[in-house]
Amino acid sequence: MAANKIRVATTSLAGCFGCHMSFLDIDERLLELLEHIEFDRTPLTDIKHCGPCDIGLIEGGVCNAENVHVLKEFRKNCKILIAMGACAFNGGVPALRNHYSLKECLEESYLNGVGVVNPLIPNDPEIPLLLNKVHPIHEIVKIDYFLPGCPPSGDAIWTFLNELLAGQEISLPYQAIHYD
């Protein structure tokens, strides 16, 4: 670990992984960013647990017990925690199931859905326990910053991180925020 680099961890909870894809849309600027940061847990490093970090980027909502555990681990280990994207903000598309009971969702998916063969609701103890509702991450832990968008663009992520690393107030222009 380099002594002067900012340590950054990222993870995806319940969502589409689009925010991480936008993070990769930083493209060659990622190499410039790596002059100032090093990664802890991310899909790029395949580190399974978040260690002590300066910044944690979380995408996705909270839909199961594993999501709660990962989110609390990030809060415990990250000095600054950032909710990245609509699913982290408000539950996003996964929160559409909040209009139905968990029982109704499971029955529709595994018993009564179109194309279901051998209907059976999974009951393996290794499958994370689903929560009754999908939650935005600020309902579970304290969040320091919110980076809006669905997904936030690579340019928005780049601007956000550069201003944060420079100790500046975050000032994303309205045009930098979009929802696909």
Foldseek 3Di string as FASTA:
>chain_A
DDDQAFEEAEDEAADDCVQVVLLCVLPPCVVVNVVRHDYDHDPVVVHDADAAGAEYEYEAWHWFPVSLVRLVRCQVRYVAYEYFEDCLVFNPPVQVCVVDWPVVVQCCVQPVDPPHDPRDRDDDPVPTGTDRGTGRSCVRDPHHYYHYAQHQHNVSVVQQVVCVVVVHDRDDDPVRHYYD
